[in-house]
Protein backbone atom coordinates (compact mmCIF):
# COMPACT_ATOMS: atom_id res chain seq x y z
CA MET A 1 8.39 23.10 -1.86
CA ASN A 2 8.74 21.75 1.69
CA ARG A 3 10.11 24.94 3.26
CA LEU A 4 7.97 24.42 6.37
CA ARG A 5 9.55 21.05 7.17
CA GLY A 6 11.08 21.31 10.63
CA GLN A 7 9.35 24.64 11.25
CA SER A 8 6.11 25.62 12.91
CA TRP A 9 2.84 24.38 11.44
CA TYR A 10 0.65 26.74 13.44
CA PHE A 11 -2.25 28.34 11.58
CA ASP A 12 -0.57 31.75 11.26
CA ASP A 13 2.67 30.25 9.90
CA ILE A 14 1.14 28.40 6.94
CA PRO A 15 1.08 30.52 3.77
CA VAL A 16 -1.94 30.28 1.48
CA GLY A 17 -0.87 28.62 -1.78
CA TYR A 18 1.88 26.58 -0.12
CA VAL A 19 2.23 23.04 -1.53
CA HIS A 20 3.48 20.25 0.73
CA GLN A 21 4.42 16.81 -0.65
CA PHE A 22 4.86 13.71 1.48
CA GLY A 23 4.01 10.07 2.03
CA ALA A 24 4.65 6.69 0.53
CA ALA A 25 1.98 4.03 0.93
CA LYS A 26 2.33 0.80 -1.01
CA VAL A 27 -0.85 -0.85 -2.22
CA ASP A 28 -0.08 -4.34 -0.94
CA ALA A 29 -1.62 -7.42 -2.58
CA ASP A 30 -2.16 -9.14 0.79
CA ASP A 31 -3.91 -6.03 2.13
CA LEU A 32 -6.10 -5.98 -1.00
CA ALA A 33 -7.14 -9.58 -0.38
CA LEU A 34 -7.99 -8.84 3.27
CA PHE A 35 -9.87 -5.66 2.38
CA LYS A 36 -11.80 -7.52 -0.33
CA GLU A 37 -12.74 -10.29 2.06
CA ARG A 38 -13.92 -7.94 4.82
CA PHE A 39 -15.31 -4.93 2.97
CA ALA A 40 -15.43 -5.29 -0.82
CA PRO A 41 -16.41 -8.82 -1.89
CA TYR A 42 -17.42 -7.47 -5.31
CA LEU A 43 -13.79 -6.70 -6.27
CA PRO A 44 -11.84 -9.12 -8.45
CA LEU A 45 -8.58 -10.37 -6.96
CA LYS A 46 -7.18 -11.26 -10.34
CA ALA A 47 -6.49 -9.11 -13.36
CA ASP A 48 -9.05 -9.12 -16.15
CA GLY A 49 -7.17 -11.62 -18.32
CA ASP A 50 -4.26 -9.22 -18.81
CA PRO A 51 -1.12 -10.73 -17.22
CA THR A 52 0.48 -7.28 -16.91
CA THR A 53 -2.37 -5.88 -14.78
CA THR A 54 -2.47 -6.36 -11.02
CA PRO A 55 -5.63 -6.49 -8.88
CA PRO A 56 -7.46 -3.19 -8.34
CA ALA A 57 -7.85 -1.52 -4.96
CA ALA A 58 -11.28 -0.49 -3.70
CA GLN A 59 -11.80 3.27 -3.51
CA ALA A 60 -12.35 2.89 0.23
CA HIS A 61 -8.95 1.19 0.49
CA VAL A 62 -7.28 4.16 -1.24
CA PHE A 63 -9.19 6.51 1.08
CA ALA A 64 -7.85 4.53 4.07
CA LEU A 65 -4.29 4.81 2.74
CA TRP A 66 -4.81 8.58 2.31
CA SER A 67 -6.06 8.80 5.89
CA ARG A 68 -3.04 6.92 7.22
CA MET A 69 -0.53 9.03 5.27
CA LEU A 70 -2.24 12.21 6.47
CA TRP A 71 -2.22 11.07 10.09
CA GLU A 72 1.45 10.07 9.95
CA GLU A 73 2.43 13.46 8.49
CA THR A 74 0.28 15.65 10.72
CA LYS A 75 0.28 13.84 14.08
CA ASP A 76 2.60 16.50 15.56
CA TRP A 77 0.80 19.48 14.00
CA PRO A 78 -1.43 21.63 16.26
CA VAL A 79 -4.66 20.19 14.82
CA LEU A 80 -7.61 20.83 17.13
CA ALA A 81 -10.35 19.22 15.03
CA ARG A 82 -10.95 17.80 11.58
CA LEU A 83 -14.25 19.13 10.29
CA GLY A 84 -14.60 16.77 7.37
CA GLN A 85 -13.74 15.87 3.82
CA ASP A 86 -15.52 17.27 0.78
CA ALA A 87 -15.51 16.88 -2.99
CA VAL A 88 -13.92 13.43 -3.10
CA ARG A 89 -13.10 12.53 -6.71
CA TRP A 90 -11.54 9.44 -8.25
CA TYR A 91 -9.42 9.70 -11.40
CA ARG A 92 -7.47 6.47 -11.70
CA THR A 93 -7.66 3.02 -10.18
CA ALA A 94 -4.85 2.05 -7.83
CA HIS A 95 -3.52 -1.49 -8.19
CA ALA A 96 -1.45 -3.89 -6.12
CA GLY A 97 2.16 -2.76 -6.25
CA ASP A 98 1.37 0.94 -6.72
CA VAL A 99 3.02 3.37 -4.33
CA LEU A 100 0.85 6.34 -3.42
CA SER A 101 2.01 9.73 -2.20
CA MET A 102 0.32 13.03 -1.39
CA LYS A 103 0.44 16.64 -2.38
CA ILE A 104 -1.58 19.09 -0.31
CA THR A 105 -2.18 22.71 -1.21
CA PHE A 106 -3.26 25.20 1.45
CA LEU A 107 -6.12 27.04 -0.30
CA SER A 108 -7.44 29.42 2.32
CA LYS A 109 -7.40 30.34 5.98
CA GLN A 110 -10.28 31.64 8.08
CA PRO A 111 -9.35 32.99 11.53
CA VAL A 112 -11.97 32.02 14.12
CA ASN A 113 -10.56 33.78 17.17
CA GLU A 114 -7.18 34.49 18.80
CA SER A 115 -6.51 30.82 19.51
CA ARG A 116 -7.73 29.01 16.38
CA GLY A 117 -8.44 29.18 12.69
CA ILE A 118 -9.84 27.00 9.92
CA LEU A 119 -7.50 25.81 7.18
CA ILE A 120 -8.99 24.70 3.84
CA THR A 121 -6.73 22.27 1.99
CA GLN A 122 -6.77 20.47 -1.37
CA HIS A 123 -5.39 16.91 -1.21
CA ASP A 124 -4.08 15.09 -4.28
CA VAL A 125 -3.19 11.40 -4.02
CA LEU A 126 -0.73 10.41 -6.74
CA ASN A 127 0.65 7.07 -7.90
CA GLN A 128 4.35 6.36 -8.46
CA SER A 129 4.09 7.81 -11.99
CA GLY A 130 2.74 11.09 -10.67
CA GLU A 131 -0.74 10.34 -12.01
CA LEU A 132 -3.73 11.63 -10.08
CA VAL A 133 -5.63 8.85 -8.29
CA MET A 134 -7.92 10.72 -5.85
CA THR A 135 -8.60 14.29 -4.75
CA LEU A 136 -10.52 15.80 -1.88
CA MET A 137 -10.74 18.95 0.19
CA THR A 138 -10.53 19.18 3.96
CA ARG A 139 -11.43 21.75 6.60
CA THR A 140 -9.23 21.59 9.69
CA VAL A 141 -9.26 23.65 12.87
CA MET A 142 -5.66 24.59 13.70
CA ALA A 143 -4.17 26.30 16.74
CA ARG A 144 -2.75 29.77 16.25
CA VAL A 145 0.60 30.82 17.72
């Protein structure tokens, strides 16, 4: 699945349909408390009476973890611009202690000119059980070879 690891990530080298898995971001209880204090005071910091449930993460917190994992994985790729995120969907709540990872699927490529192209990608954020937590699509301008 990760046949491109260690190879070129230029626009022309990425095959449509390719699936790339990466990342490991722990949903930390201390980070949840800080995020709640600064950005999401409406969130409970304790489980709803169930001792086996840990505090929930805000959707914006999960989005921030997605953004960090994406940046860490793609910081050496020839990305020229990120055009935005679309179709953000939430499927499962992340909780303190969860470990999130990513699976991205390269859906389509649109050449712009000889030096750049637009890559459309589906992003799936998964928990440690492989359950879908969040999805979104991105449009990224990539350098061509």
